[in-house]
Amino acid sequence: MRPLRLLLAAAAAAYAASQYWQERRRFAQLRALPVRQAMAQHERHRKRAERTMILLTGVVCLVAAGLAIYAFIILPAPHNTAATVGR
C-alpha cells in the first residue's frame, strides 16, 4: 500500500509542477502581446477553463447520483441472519 501512496503523491507533484510551468509559459506569451490582444486571449482562456470546470462538475455530480441510486435503490437490502442479530 505504501508504494501506491508514494506513486500517487509523485504523480500529483508532477502534475502540479507541469501546470506551474505551463502557466509560466502562457503568461510569458501574454506579456509579449499588445494589451488588447493579451486581454482577449486571457478572456478566451478563462472562459474555456470555466466551461471545463462546469463540465467536470457535471460529470462528478452524475457519477455521485448514479452511485447513490445504485447503493440505495438497486442493491438489495441486507438480510438479518442469526449470526448478525445478537450483535
PDB file of N, CA and C in Angstrom:
ATOM      1  N   MET A   1       0.817  -1.190   0.000  1.00  0.00           N
ATOM      2  CA  MET A   1       0.000   0.000   0.000  1.00  0.00           C
ATOM      3  C   MET A   1       0.868   1.265   0.000  1.00  0.00           C
ATOM      4  N   ARG A   2       2.010   1.192   0.658  1.00  0.00           N
ATOM      5  CA  ARG A   2       2.886   2.354   0.735  1.00  0.00           C
ATOM      6  C   ARG A   2       3.424   2.755  -0.643  1.00  0.00           C
ATOM      7  N   PRO A   3       3.847   1.796  -1.503  1.00  0.00           N
ATOM      8  CA  PRO A   3       4.320   2.207  -2.841  1.00  0.00           C
ATOM      9  C   PRO A   3       3.223   2.889  -3.661  1.00  0.00           C
ATOM     10  N   LEU A   4       1.980   2.456  -3.478  1.00  0.00           N
ATOM     11  CA  LEU A   4       0.875   3.086  -4.204  1.00  0.00           C
ATOM     12  C   LEU A   4       0.710   4.540  -3.770  1.00  0.00           C
ATOM     13  N   ARG A   5       0.764   4.789  -2.470  1.00  0.00           N
ATOM     14  CA  ARG A   5       0.659   6.166  -1.967  1.00  0.00           C
ATOM     15  C   ARG A   5       1.812   7.023  -2.474  1.00  0.00           C
ATOM     16  N   LEU A   6       2.998   6.447  -2.487  1.00  0.00           N
ATOM     17  CA  LEU A   6       4.159   7.168  -2.976  1.00  0.00           C
ATOM     18  C   LEU A   6       4.010   7.489  -4.463  1.00  0.00           C
ATOM     19  N   LEU A   7       3.506   6.531  -5.217  1.00  0.00           N
ATOM     20  CA  LEU A   7       3.279   6.744  -6.645  1.00  0.00           C
ATOM     21  C   LEU A   7       2.234   7.830  -6.880  1.00  0.00           C
ATOM     22  N   LEU A   8       1.148   7.801  -6.115  1.00  0.00           N
ATOM     23  CA  LEU A   8       0.113   8.828  -6.259  1.00  0.00           C
ATOM     24  C   LEU A   8       0.637  10.208  -5.871  1.00  0.00           C
ATOM     25  N   ALA A   9       1.427  10.288  -4.817  1.00  0.00           N
ATOM     26  CA  ALA A   9       1.999  11.569  -4.406  1.00  0.00           C
ATOM     27  C   ALA A   9       2.961  12.093  -5.478  1.00  0.00           C
ATOM     28  N   ALA A  10       3.764  11.206  -6.055  1.00  0.00           N
ATOM     29  CA  ALA A  10       4.690  11.622  -7.110  1.00  0.00           C
ATOM     30  C   ALA A  10       3.921  12.084  -8.349  1.00  0.00           C
ATOM     31  N   ALA A  11       2.846  11.403  -8.691  1.00  0.00           N
ATOM     32  CA  ALA A  11       2.035  11.803  -9.844  1.00  0.00           C
ATOM     33  C   ALA A  11       1.386  13.163  -9.601  1.00  0.00           C
ATOM     34  N   ALA A  12       0.886  13.388  -8.396  1.00  0.00           N
ATOM     35  CA  ALA A  12       0.276  14.676  -8.068  1.00  0.00           C
ATOM     36  C   ALA A  12       1.313  15.797  -8.119  1.00  0.00           C
ATOM     37  N   ALA A  13       2.505  15.533  -7.604  1.00  0.00           N
ATOM     38  CA  ALA A  13       3.569  16.542  -7.643  1.00  0.00           C
ATOM     39  C   ALA A  13       3.984  16.838  -9.081  1.00  0.00           C
ATOM     40  N   ALA A  14       4.095  15.820  -9.912  1.00  0.00           N
ATOM     41  CA  ALA A  14       4.455  16.024 -11.313  1.00  0.00           C
ATOM     42  C   ALA A  14       3.385  16.822 -12.042  1.00  0.00           C
ATOM     43  N   TYR A  15       2.127  16.543 -11.754  1.00  0.00           N
ATOM     44  CA  TYR A  15       1.033  17.284 -12.382  1.00  0.00           C
ATOM     45  C   TYR A  15       1.066  18.748 -11.954  1.00  0.00           C
ATOM     46  N   ALA A  16       1.264  18.995 -10.662  1.00  0.00           N
ATOM     47  CA  ALA A  16       1.315  20.375 -10.171  1.00  0.00           C
ATOM     48  C   ALA A  16       2.484  21.131 -10.800  1.00  0.00           C
ATOM     49  N   ALA A  17       3.628  20.491 -10.896  1.00  0.00           N
ATOM     50  CA  ALA A  17       4.790  21.141 -11.497  1.00  0.00           C
ATOM     51  C   ALA A  17       4.547  21.436 -12.977  1.00  0.00           C
ATOM     52  N   SER A  18       3.922  20.510 -13.690  1.00  0.00           N
ATOM     53  CA  SER A  18       3.661  20.742 -15.109  1.00  0.00           C
ATOM     54  C   SER A  18       2.671  21.885 -15.302  1.00  0.00           C
ATOM     55  N   GLN A  19       1.665  21.981 -14.424  1.00  0.00           N
ATOM     56  CA  GLN A  19       0.715  23.090 -14.516  1.00  0.00           C
ATOM     57  C   GLN A  19       1.399  24.426 -14.244  1.00  0.00           C
ATOM     58  N   TYR A  20       2.309  24.430 -13.277  1.00  0.00           N
ATOM     59  CA  TYR A  20       3.053  25.647 -12.952  1.00  0.00           C
ATOM     60  C   TYR A  20       3.855  26.123 -14.157  1.00  0.00           C
ATOM     61  N   TRP A  21       4.591  25.220 -14.792  1.00  0.00           N
ATOM     62  CA  TRP A  21       5.424  25.607 -15.928  1.00  0.00           C
ATOM     63  C   TRP A  21       4.578  25.989 -17.132  1.00  0.00           C
ATOM     64  N   GLN A  22       3.437  25.353 -17.293  1.00  0.00           N
ATOM     65  CA  GLN A  22       2.549  25.707 -18.392  1.00  0.00           C
ATOM     66  C   GLN A  22       2.002  27.126 -18.195  1.00  0.00           C
ATOM     67  N   GLU A  23       1.615  27.461 -16.975  1.00  0.00           N
ATOM     68  CA  GLU A  23       1.107  28.806 -16.697  1.00  0.00           C
ATOM     69  C   GLU A  23       2.206  29.854 -16.873  1.00  0.00           C
ATOM     70  N   ARG A  24       3.417  29.542 -16.451  1.00  0.00           N
ATOM     71  CA  ARG A  24       4.530  30.486 -16.649  1.00  0.00           C
ATOM     72  C   ARG A  24       4.744  30.766 -18.130  1.00  0.00           C
ATOM     73  N   ARG A  25       4.698  29.707 -18.946  1.00  0.00           N
ATOM     74  CA  ARG A  25       4.888  29.874 -20.386  1.00  0.00           C
ATOM     75  C   ARG A  25       3.740  30.691 -20.983  1.00  0.00           C
ATOM     76  N   ARG A  26       2.527  30.417 -20.538  1.00  0.00           N
ATOM     77  CA  ARG A  26       1.360  31.141 -21.058  1.00  0.00           C
ATOM     78  C   ARG A  26       1.435  32.624 -20.705  1.00  0.00           C
ATOM     79  N   PHE A  27       1.802  32.932 -19.461  1.00  0.00           N
ATOM     80  CA  PHE A  27       1.896  34.334 -19.064  1.00  0.00           C
ATOM     81  C   PHE A  27       3.052  35.041 -19.760  1.00  0.00           C
ATOM     82  N   ALA A  28       4.131  34.334 -20.047  1.00  0.00           N
ATOM     83  CA  ALA A  28       5.235  34.930 -20.800  1.00  0.00           C
ATOM     84  C   ALA A  28       4.771  35.283 -22.217  1.00  0.00           C
ATOM     85  N   GLN A  29       3.958  34.418 -22.804  1.00  0.00           N
ATOM     86  CA  GLN A  29       3.420  34.706 -24.128  1.00  0.00           C
ATOM     87  C   GLN A  29       2.466  35.896 -24.083  1.00  0.00           C
ATOM     88  N   LEU A  30       1.675  35.980 -23.006  1.00  0.00           N
ATOM     89  CA  LEU A  30       0.747  37.103 -22.875  1.00  0.00           C
ATOM     90  C   LEU A  30       1.497  38.422 -22.737  1.00  0.00           C
ATOM     91  N   ARG A  31       2.596  38.411 -21.994  1.00  0.00           N
ATOM     92  CA  ARG A  31       3.370  39.640 -21.800  1.00  0.00           C
ATOM     93  C   ARG A  31       3.952  40.155 -23.115  1.00  0.00           C
ATOM     94  N   ALA A  32       4.195  39.269 -24.046  1.00  0.00           N
ATOM     95  CA  ALA A  32       4.776  39.672 -25.320  1.00  0.00           C
ATOM     96  C   ALA A  32       3.747  40.276 -26.279  1.00  0.00           C
ATOM     97  N   LEU A  33       2.462  40.097 -25.988  1.00  0.00           N
ATOM     98  CA  LEU A  33       1.410  40.584 -26.885  1.00  0.00           C
ATOM     99  C   LEU A  33       1.026  42.023 -26.546  1.00  0.00           C
ATOM    100  N   PRO A  34       0.421  42.720 -27.508  1.00  0.00           N
ATOM    101  CA  PRO A  34      -0.170  44.023 -27.191  1.00  0.00           C
ATOM    102  C   PRO A  34      -1.305  43.846 -26.170  1.00  0.00           C
ATOM    103  N   VAL A  35      -1.610  44.918 -25.460  1.00  0.00           N
ATOM    104  CA  VAL A  35      -2.535  44.828 -24.330  1.00  0.00           C
ATOM    105  C   VAL A  35      -3.896  44.281 -24.734  1.00  0.00           C
ATOM    106  N   ARG A  36      -4.497  44.844 -25.764  1.00  0.00           N
ATOM    107  CA  ARG A  36      -5.843  44.391 -26.153  1.00  0.00           C
ATOM    108  C   ARG A  36      -5.847  42.926 -26.580  1.00  0.00           C
ATOM    109  N   GLN A  37      -4.849  42.531 -27.316  1.00  0.00           N
ATOM    110  CA  GLN A  37      -4.760  41.146 -27.770  1.00  0.00           C
ATOM    111  C   GLN A  37      -4.512  40.215 -26.577  1.00  0.00           C
ATOM    112  N   ALA A  38      -3.685  40.646 -25.644  1.00  0.00           N
ATOM    113  CA  ALA A  38      -3.425  39.838 -24.455  1.00  0.00           C
ATOM    114  C   ALA A  38      -4.681  39.687 -23.612  1.00  0.00           C
ATOM    115  N   MET A  39      -5.444  40.766 -23.468  1.00  0.00           N
ATOM    116  CA  MET A  39      -6.689  40.690 -22.694  1.00  0.00           C
ATOM    117  C   MET A  39      -7.686  39.752 -23.363  1.00  0.00           C
ATOM    118  N   ALA A  40      -7.792  39.812 -24.686  1.00  0.00           N
ATOM    119  CA  ALA A  40      -8.726  38.943 -25.410  1.00  0.00           C
ATOM    120  C   ALA A  40      -8.311  37.479 -25.269  1.00  0.00           C
ATOM    121  N   GLN A  41      -7.020  37.216 -25.374  1.00  0.00           N
ATOM    122  CA  GLN A  41      -6.545  35.831 -25.235  1.00  0.00           C
ATOM    123  C   GLN A  41      -6.758  35.322 -23.813  1.00  0.00           C
ATOM    124  N   HIS A  42      -6.493  36.178 -22.827  1.00  0.00           N
ATOM    125  CA  HIS A  42      -6.707  35.782 -21.433  1.00  0.00           C
ATOM    126  C   HIS A  42      -8.187  35.479 -21.178  1.00  0.00           C
ATOM    127  N   GLU A  43      -9.063  36.298 -21.739  1.00  0.00           N
ATOM    128  CA  GLU A  43     -10.507  36.094 -21.566  1.00  0.00           C
ATOM    129  C   GLU A  43     -10.953  34.791 -22.227  1.00  0.00           C
ATOM    130  N   ARG A  44     -10.416  34.482 -23.413  1.00  0.00           N
ATOM    131  CA  ARG A  44     -10.743  33.202 -24.060  1.00  0.00           C
ATOM    132  C   ARG A  44     -10.290  32.021 -23.204  1.00  0.00           C
ATOM    133  N   HIS A  45      -9.090  32.126 -22.651  1.00  0.00           N
ATOM    134  CA  HIS A  45      -8.573  31.053 -21.802  1.00  0.00           C
ATOM    135  C   HIS A  45      -9.426  30.897 -20.538  1.00  0.00           C
ATOM    136  N   ARG A  46      -9.833  32.002 -19.946  1.00  0.00           N
ATOM    137  CA  ARG A  46     -10.649  31.950 -18.732  1.00  0.00           C
ATOM    138  C   ARG A  46     -12.002  31.317 -19.012  1.00  0.00           C
ATOM    139  N   LYS A  47     -12.623  31.673 -20.128  1.00  0.00           N
ATOM    140  CA  LYS A  47     -13.925  31.093 -20.475  1.00  0.00           C
ATOM    141  C   LYS A  47     -13.799  29.592 -20.754  1.00  0.00           C
ATOM    142  N   ARG A  48     -12.718  29.206 -21.440  1.00  0.00           N
ATOM    143  CA  ARG A  48     -12.501  27.783 -21.716  1.00  0.00           C
ATOM    144  C   ARG A  48     -12.290  27.010 -20.414  1.00  0.00           C
ATOM    145  N   ALA A  49     -11.533  27.575 -19.487  1.00  0.00           N
ATOM    146  CA  ALA A  49     -11.299  26.918 -18.200  1.00  0.00           C
ATOM    147  C   ALA A  49     -12.605  26.822 -17.411  1.00  0.00           C
ATOM    148  N   GLU A  50     -13.431  27.855 -17.484  1.00  0.00           N
ATOM    149  CA  GLU A  50     -14.705  27.833 -16.776  1.00  0.00           C
ATOM    150  C   GLU A  50     -15.631  26.762 -17.344  1.00  0.00           C
ATOM    151  N   ARG A  51     -15.680  26.650 -18.681  1.00  0.00           N
ATOM    152  CA  ARG A  51     -16.501  25.599 -19.296  1.00  0.00           C
ATOM    153  C   ARG A  51     -16.006  24.213 -18.905  1.00  0.00           C
ATOM    154  N   THR A  52     -14.698  24.047 -18.843  1.00  0.00           N
ATOM    155  CA  THR A  52     -14.134  22.752 -18.442  1.00  0.00           C
ATOM    156  C   THR A  52     -14.527  22.413 -17.012  1.00  0.00           C
ATOM    157  N   MET A  53     -14.464  23.394 -16.121  1.00  0.00           N
ATOM    158  CA  MET A  53     -14.831  23.135 -14.723  1.00  0.00           C
ATOM    159  C   MET A  53     -16.319  22.824 -14.592  1.00  0.00           C
ATOM    160  N   ILE A  54     -17.160  23.490 -15.362  1.00  0.00           N
ATOM    161  CA  ILE A  54     -18.595  23.202 -15.328  1.00  0.00           C
ATOM    162  C   ILE A  54     -18.847  21.779 -15.825  1.00  0.00           C
ATOM    163  N   LEU A  55     -18.181  21.393 -16.898  1.00  0.00           N
ATOM    164  CA  LEU A  55     -18.320  20.039 -17.425  1.00  0.00           C
ATOM    165  C   LEU A  55     -17.834  19.002 -16.414  1.00  0.00           C
ATOM    166  N   LEU A  56     -16.696  19.247 -15.807  1.00  0.00           N
ATOM    167  CA  LEU A  56     -16.152  18.323 -14.812  1.00  0.00           C
ATOM    168  C   LEU A  56     -17.081  18.210 -13.600  1.00  0.00           C
ATOM    169  N   THR A  57     -17.630  19.334 -13.157  1.00  0.00           N
ATOM    170  CA  THR A  57     -18.571  19.316 -12.046  1.00  0.00           C
ATOM    171  C   THR A  57     -19.814  18.507 -12.403  1.00  0.00           C
ATOM    172  N   GLY A  58     -20.304  18.666 -13.617  1.00  0.00           N
ATOM    173  CA  GLY A  58     -21.465  17.893 -14.060  1.00  0.00           C
ATOM    174  C   GLY A  58     -21.188  16.403 -14.088  1.00  0.00           C
ATOM    175  N   VAL A  59     -20.014  16.027 -14.560  1.00  0.00           N
ATOM    176  CA  VAL A  59     -19.646  14.603 -14.606  1.00  0.00           C
ATOM    177  C   VAL A  59     -19.555  14.038 -13.187  1.00  0.00           C
ATOM    178  N   VAL A  60     -18.931  14.770 -12.280  1.00  0.00           N
ATOM    179  CA  VAL A  60     -18.813  14.297 -10.893  1.00  0.00           C
ATOM    180  C   VAL A  60     -20.194  14.166 -10.258  1.00  0.00           C
ATOM    181  N   CYS A  61     -21.077  15.125 -10.503  1.00  0.00           N
ATOM    182  CA  CYS A  61     -22.440  15.039  -9.952  1.00  0.00           C
ATOM    183  C   CYS A  61     -23.201  13.848 -10.525  1.00  0.00           C
ATOM    184  N   LEU A  62     -23.054  13.594 -11.821  1.00  0.00           N
ATOM    185  CA  LEU A  62     -23.729  12.441 -12.425  1.00  0.00           C
ATOM    186  C   LEU A  62     -23.208  11.123 -11.847  1.00  0.00           C
ATOM    187  N   VAL A  63     -21.904  11.028 -11.661  1.00  0.00           N
ATOM    188  CA  VAL A  63     -21.334   9.809 -11.075  1.00  0.00           C
ATOM    189  C   VAL A  63     -21.824   9.638  -9.648  1.00  0.00           C
ATOM    190  N   ALA A  64     -21.847  10.734  -8.869  1.00  0.00           N
ATOM    191  CA  ALA A  64     -22.322  10.645  -7.487  1.00  0.00           C
ATOM    192  C   ALA A  64     -23.798  10.240  -7.441  1.00  0.00           C
ATOM    193  N   ALA A  65     -24.610  10.807  -8.318  1.00  0.00           N
ATOM    194  CA  ALA A  65     -26.032  10.444  -8.356  1.00  0.00           C
ATOM    195  C   ALA A  65     -26.197   8.982  -8.768  1.00  0.00           C
ATOM    196  N   GLY A  66     -25.434   8.541  -9.733  1.00  0.00           N
ATOM    197  CA  GLY A  66     -25.513   7.139 -10.153  1.00  0.00           C
ATOM    198  C   GLY A  66     -25.113   6.188  -9.043  1.00  0.00           C
ATOM    199  N   LEU A  67     -24.056   6.529  -8.324  1.00  0.00           N
ATOM    200  CA  LEU A  67     -23.645   5.678  -7.205  1.00  0.00           C
ATOM    201  C   LEU A  67     -24.674   5.676  -6.088  1.00  0.00           C
ATOM    202  N   ALA A  68     -25.297   6.823  -5.831  1.00  0.00           N
ATOM    203  CA  ALA A  68     -26.332   6.875  -4.799  1.00  0.00           C
ATOM    204  C   ALA A  68     -27.535   6.032  -5.198  1.00  0.00           C
ATOM    205  N   ILE A  69     -27.937   6.120  -6.453  1.00  0.00           N
ATOM    206  CA  ILE A  69     -29.057   5.295  -6.930  1.00  0.00           C
ATOM    207  C   ILE A  69     -28.700   3.825  -6.837  1.00  0.00           C
ATOM    208  N   TYR A  70     -27.494   3.494  -7.225  1.00  0.00           N
ATOM    209  CA  TYR A  70     -27.067   2.095  -7.148  1.00  0.00           C
ATOM    210  C   TYR A  70     -27.052   1.608  -5.698  1.00  0.00           C
ATOM    211  N   ALA A  71     -26.511   2.408  -4.798  1.00  0.00           N
ATOM    212  CA  ALA A  71     -26.358   1.978  -3.407  1.00  0.00           C
ATOM    213  C   ALA A  71     -27.685   1.905  -2.670  1.00  0.00           C
ATOM    214  N   PHE A  72     -28.597   2.850  -2.921  1.00  0.00           N
ATOM    215  CA  PHE A  72     -29.818   2.920  -2.124  1.00  0.00           C
ATOM    216  C   PHE A  72     -31.045   2.344  -2.812  1.00  0.00           C
ATOM    217  N   ILE A  73     -31.005   2.141  -4.114  1.00  0.00           N
ATOM    218  CA  ILE A  73     -32.193   1.641  -4.811  1.00  0.00           C
ATOM    219  C   ILE A  73     -31.948   0.279  -5.441  1.00  0.00           C
ATOM    220  N   ILE A  74     -30.844   0.112  -6.127  1.00  0.00           N
ATOM    221  CA  ILE A  74     -30.617  -1.114  -6.881  1.00  0.00           C
ATOM    222  C   ILE A  74     -30.120  -2.255  -6.005  1.00  0.00           C
ATOM    223  N   LEU A  75     -29.172  -1.959  -5.133  1.00  0.00           N
ATOM    224  CA  LEU A  75     -28.638  -3.015  -4.266  1.00  0.00           C
ATOM    225  C   LEU A  75     -29.729  -3.534  -3.329  1.00  0.00           C
ATOM    226  N   PRO A  76     -29.786  -4.836  -3.121  1.00  0.00           N
ATOM    227  CA  PRO A  76     -30.786  -5.353  -2.184  1.00  0.00           C
ATOM    228  C   PRO A  76     -30.398  -4.994  -0.747  1.00  0.00           C
ATOM    229  N   ALA A  77     -31.413  -4.861   0.079  1.00  0.00           N
ATOM    230  CA  ALA A  77     -31.169  -4.552   1.486  1.00  0.00           C
ATOM    231  C   ALA A  77     -30.510  -5.754   2.165  1.00  0.00           C
ATOM    232  N   PRO A  78     -29.632  -5.515   3.116  1.00  0.00           N
ATOM    233  CA  PRO A  78     -29.000  -6.646   3.811  1.00  0.00           C
ATOM    234  C   PRO A  78     -30.040  -7.406   4.634  1.00  0.00           C
ATOM    235  N   HIS A  79     -29.883  -8.722   4.676  1.00  0.00           N
ATOM    236  CA  HIS A  79     -30.818  -9.544   5.420  1.00  0.00           C
ATOM    237  C   HIS A  79     -30.276  -9.797   6.829  1.00  0.00           C
ATOM    238  N   ASN A  80     -31.179  -9.773   7.820  1.00  0.00           N
ATOM    239  CA  ASN A  80     -30.781 -10.104   9.175  1.00  0.00           C
ATOM    240  C   ASN A  80     -30.687 -11.619   9.286  1.00  0.00           C
ATOM    241  N   THR A  81     -29.557 -12.093   9.698  1.00  0.00           N
ATOM    242  CA  THR A  81     -29.394 -13.531   9.894  1.00  0.00           C
ATOM    243  C   THR A  81     -29.157 -13.779  11.372  1.00  0.00           C
ATOM    244  N   ALA A  82     -29.149 -15.014  11.757  1.00  0.00           N
ATOM    245  CA  ALA A  82     -28.948 -15.367  13.168  1.00  0.00           C
ATOM    246  C   ALA A  82     -27.574 -14.925  13.639  1.00  0.00           C
ATOM    247  N   ALA A  83     -26.599 -14.885  12.751  1.00  0.00           N
ATOM    248  CA  ALA A  83     -25.244 -14.508  13.134  1.00  0.00           C
ATOM    249  C   ALA A  83     -25.137 -13.006  13.418  1.00  0.00           C
ATOM    250  N   THR A  84     -25.979 -12.178  12.796  1.00  0.00           N
ATOM    251  CA  THR A  84     -25.858 -10.737  12.968  1.00  0.00           C
ATOM    252  C   THR A  84     -26.897 -10.141  13.917  1.00  0.00           C
ATOM    253  N   VAL A  85     -27.904 -10.918  14.327  1.00  0.00           N
ATOM    254  CA  VAL A  85     -28.975 -10.366  15.156  1.00  0.00           C
ATOM    255  C   VAL A  85     -28.478 -10.019  16.552  1.00  0.00           C
ATOM    256  N   GLY A  86     -27.662 -10.814  17.155  1.00  0.00           N
ATOM    257  CA  GLY A  86     -27.252 -10.599  18.523  1.00  0.00           C
ATOM    258  C   GLY A  86     -26.126  -9.579  18.688  1.00  0.00           C
ATOM    259  N   ARG A  87     -25.653  -9.018  17.640  1.00  0.00           N
ATOM    260  CA  ARG A  87     -24.513  -8.090  17.746  1.00  0.00           C
ATOM    261  C   ARG A  87     -24.918  -6.674  17.959  1.00  0.00           C
TER     262      ARG A  87
END
